[in-house]
Amino acid sequence: MEKLMNFLKDEEGAGFTEYALLIAFVALIVVFGATYFGGKLGDFFADVGDAFDNPGAKLPPWTEPTHGVN
């Protein structure tokens, strides 16, 4: 029983556990973000690609600069 209590009190492996939980949390955020924003990011990069393919084409309104325009 004493060995079990010593094992439970030992904090040597706590750093690994904390890093594992942090990595799992970050992975969860990445998966959620990719799921939620995936289509929007795809549309964004498609618009950017179209702008490179057709340099004279009008860009979508959300890409127009807003500073200094009256």
Protein backbone atom coordinates (compact mmCIF):
# COMPACT_ATOMS: atom_id res chain seq x y z
CA MET A 1 0.00 0.00 0.00
CA GLU A 2 2.89 2.34 0.72
CA LYS A 3 4.26 1.85 -2.80
CA LEU A 4 0.90 2.83 -4.27
CA MET A 5 0.73 5.98 -2.14
CA ASN A 6 4.27 6.93 -3.16
CA PHE A 7 3.37 6.36 -6.81
CA LEU A 8 0.29 8.58 -6.53
CA LYS A 9 2.24 11.36 -4.83
CA ASP A 10 5.06 11.25 -7.38
CA GLU A 11 4.81 14.27 -9.71
CA GLU A 12 7.66 13.37 -12.03
CA GLY A 13 5.41 12.39 -14.95
CA ALA A 14 3.10 15.37 -14.57
CA GLY A 15 4.97 17.36 -17.23
CA PHE A 16 4.34 14.68 -19.85
CA THR A 17 0.66 14.46 -18.94
CA GLU A 18 0.22 18.21 -19.15
CA TYR A 19 1.90 18.35 -22.56
CA ALA A 20 -0.22 15.45 -23.81
CA LEU A 21 -3.39 17.23 -22.71
CA LEU A 22 -2.22 20.47 -24.30
CA ILE A 23 -1.44 18.74 -27.61
CA ALA A 24 -4.83 16.99 -27.54
CA PHE A 25 -6.57 20.33 -26.92
CA VAL A 26 -4.72 22.05 -29.76
CA ALA A 27 -5.52 19.14 -32.09
CA LEU A 28 -9.19 19.43 -31.15
CA ILE A 29 -9.16 23.16 -31.92
CA VAL A 30 -7.47 22.53 -35.29
CA VAL A 31 -10.02 19.87 -36.24
CA PHE A 32 -12.91 22.11 -35.19
CA GLY A 33 -11.47 25.07 -37.08
CA ALA A 34 -10.87 23.05 -40.23
CA THR A 35 -14.39 21.66 -40.07
CA TYR A 36 -16.04 25.01 -39.40
CA PHE A 37 -13.94 27.22 -41.66
CA GLY A 38 -12.95 24.63 -44.28
CA GLY A 39 -15.45 25.65 -46.93
CA LYS A 40 -14.85 29.33 -46.39
CA LEU A 41 -11.09 28.88 -46.67
CA GLY A 42 -11.56 26.85 -49.84
CA ASP A 43 -13.64 29.64 -51.35
CA PHE A 44 -11.07 32.22 -50.29
CA PHE A 45 -8.17 30.38 -51.94
CA ALA A 46 -10.26 29.71 -55.05
CA ASP A 47 -10.92 33.46 -55.33
CA VAL A 48 -7.23 34.20 -54.87
CA GLY A 49 -6.35 31.62 -57.52
CA ASP A 50 -8.90 33.13 -59.90
CA ALA A 51 -7.37 36.56 -59.33
CA PHE A 52 -3.96 35.21 -60.34
CA ASP A 53 -5.41 33.46 -63.40
CA ASN A 54 -7.26 36.60 -64.54
CA PRO A 55 -5.21 39.63 -63.48
CA GLY A 56 -7.72 42.12 -64.93
CA ALA A 57 -10.76 40.51 -63.31
CA LYS A 58 -12.69 42.32 -60.62
CA LEU A 59 -12.00 40.92 -57.18
CA PRO A 60 -14.79 40.07 -54.75
CA PRO A 61 -15.92 43.06 -52.64
CA TRP A 62 -14.41 41.71 -49.43
CA THR A 63 -10.93 41.95 -50.97
CA GLU A 64 -11.15 45.60 -51.94
CA PRO A 65 -9.09 48.00 -49.79
CA THR A 66 -11.19 50.21 -47.56
CA HIS A 67 -8.59 52.70 -46.37
CA GLY A 68 -8.43 56.01 -48.18
CA VAL A 69 -11.45 55.25 -50.36
CA ASN A 70 -14.31 57.73 -50.35
